[in-house]
């Protein structure tokens, strides 16, 4: 008889606790949301850099391993030799090697 009484008390306690949890007012959680603003000047990740149209600042910013001097060398090569015929022609620029070209190949295009 004692165990039946004990189980009844446990059942009543759990039932009242679940009802209290369901009926309790929900307070809004204070989560920090990331700002929805995006920089309009920031290019999208899928945008490619046109070797024949990009200026030195764009080349420097978008290409890995390309600093100010290499970016200016790319623009100077383009000014002297005309537009690039292919992305592989970038290897002709002083300071640009196969490693830099391979690292940036997916980001580059020639129009």
Protein backbone atom coordinates (compact mmCIF):
# COMPACT_ATOMS: atom_id res chain seq x y z
CA UNK A 1 0.00 0.00 0.00
CA UNK A 2 2.85 2.35 0.73
CA UNK A 3 4.35 1.89 -2.71
CA UNK A 4 1.01 2.68 -4.37
CA UNK A 5 0.73 5.85 -2.32
CA UNK A 6 4.35 6.76 -3.14
CA UNK A 7 3.77 6.26 -6.88
CA UNK A 8 0.62 8.37 -6.71
CA UNK A 9 2.59 11.20 -5.11
CA UNK A 10 5.33 10.95 -7.74
CA UNK A 11 2.72 10.98 -10.52
CA UNK A 12 0.99 14.02 -9.04
CA UNK A 13 4.29 15.85 -8.64
CA UNK A 14 5.43 15.17 -12.21
CA UNK A 15 2.02 16.10 -13.62
CA UNK A 16 1.95 19.42 -11.78
CA UNK A 17 5.53 20.16 -12.80
CA UNK A 18 4.76 19.53 -16.46
CA UNK A 19 1.62 21.67 -16.33
CA UNK A 20 3.58 24.47 -14.67
CA UNK A 21 6.26 24.25 -17.34
CA UNK A 22 3.72 24.39 -20.15
CA UNK A 23 1.69 27.22 -18.62
CA UNK A 24 4.70 29.34 -17.65
CA UNK A 25 5.03 32.56 -19.63
CA UNK A 26 7.78 32.44 -22.19
CA UNK A 27 10.27 35.22 -21.81
CA UNK A 28 12.04 36.25 -24.99
CA UNK A 29 15.54 34.92 -25.05
CA UNK A 30 18.26 37.47 -25.26
CA UNK A 31 20.22 36.14 -28.17
CA UNK A 32 22.63 38.33 -30.01
CA UNK A 33 21.86 38.43 -33.68
CA UNK A 34 24.45 39.14 -36.29
CA UNK A 35 23.92 42.43 -38.12
CA UNK A 36 22.20 42.05 -41.45
CA UNK A 37 24.16 44.84 -43.08
CA UNK A 38 26.65 43.95 -45.75
CA UNK A 39 29.34 46.15 -47.16
CA UNK A 40 28.26 47.03 -50.69
CA UNK A 41 31.87 47.50 -51.76
CA UNK A 42 32.83 43.98 -50.70
CA UNK A 43 32.75 41.64 -53.70
CA UNK A 44 30.96 38.35 -53.44
CA UNK A 45 33.00 35.19 -53.02
CA UNK A 46 31.93 33.89 -56.42
CA UNK A 47 32.94 37.05 -58.33
CA UNK A 48 35.97 36.59 -60.53
CA UNK A 49 38.69 39.14 -61.13
CA UNK A 50 39.13 40.21 -64.74
CA UNK A 51 42.85 40.42 -65.51
CA UNK A 52 42.21 42.87 -68.34
CA UNK A 53 39.96 45.22 -66.39
CA UNK A 54 41.06 45.16 -62.75
CA UNK A 55 43.21 47.93 -61.35
CA UNK A 56 46.22 47.35 -59.09
CA UNK A 57 44.23 47.91 -55.88
CA UNK A 58 41.64 45.30 -56.85
CA UNK A 59 44.29 42.77 -57.82
CA UNK A 60 46.12 43.33 -54.55
CA UNK A 61 42.96 42.96 -52.48
CA UNK A 62 41.45 39.93 -54.26
CA UNK A 63 44.43 37.75 -55.08
CA UNK A 64 46.30 35.70 -52.49
CA UNK A 65 50.05 36.29 -52.48
CA UNK A 66 49.80 39.44 -54.59
CA UNK A 67 50.95 42.60 -52.88
CA UNK A 68 51.24 46.14 -54.12
CA UNK A 69 54.39 45.57 -56.19
CA UNK A 70 53.07 42.45 -57.94
CA UNK A 71 49.71 44.08 -58.62
CA UNK A 72 51.44 47.06 -60.21
CA UNK A 73 53.64 44.68 -62.22
CA UNK A 74 50.52 42.96 -63.59
CA UNK A 75 49.00 46.30 -64.64
CA UNK A 76 52.32 47.45 -66.16
CA UNK A 77 52.64 44.21 -68.13
CA UNK A 78 49.10 44.66 -69.43
CA UNK A 79 49.81 48.27 -70.42
CA UNK A 80 52.98 47.34 -72.30
CA UNK A 81 51.92 44.04 -73.92
CA UNK A 82 48.20 44.56 -74.36
CA UNK A 83 45.38 42.57 -72.81
CA UNK A 84 45.95 39.09 -71.45
CA UNK A 85 44.94 36.33 -73.85
CA UNK A 86 44.65 33.71 -71.10
CA UNK A 87 45.08 33.35 -67.36
CA UNK A 88 48.26 31.34 -67.95
CA UNK A 89 49.89 34.41 -69.53
CA UNK A 90 50.10 35.80 -66.02
CA UNK A 91 53.22 33.64 -65.59
CA UNK A 92 55.03 36.09 -67.88
CA UNK A 93 54.72 38.85 -65.26
CA UNK A 94 57.82 39.30 -63.12
CA UNK A 95 57.19 38.01 -59.60
CA UNK A 96 54.25 35.78 -60.50
CA UNK A 97 55.07 32.11 -60.32
CA UNK A 98 53.19 28.89 -60.78
CA UNK A 99 52.31 28.67 -57.07
CA UNK A 100 50.62 32.08 -57.03
CA UNK A 101 48.81 31.34 -60.29
CA UNK A 102 47.56 27.96 -59.03
CA UNK A 103 46.40 29.51 -55.76
CA UNK A 104 44.35 32.15 -57.59
CA UNK A 105 43.30 30.36 -60.78
CA UNK A 106 39.64 29.95 -59.70
CA UNK A 107 39.40 33.69 -58.95
CA UNK A 108 40.73 34.85 -62.31
CA UNK A 109 39.16 35.34 -65.71
CA UNK A 110 40.12 37.04 -68.95
CA UNK A 111 37.53 39.10 -70.82
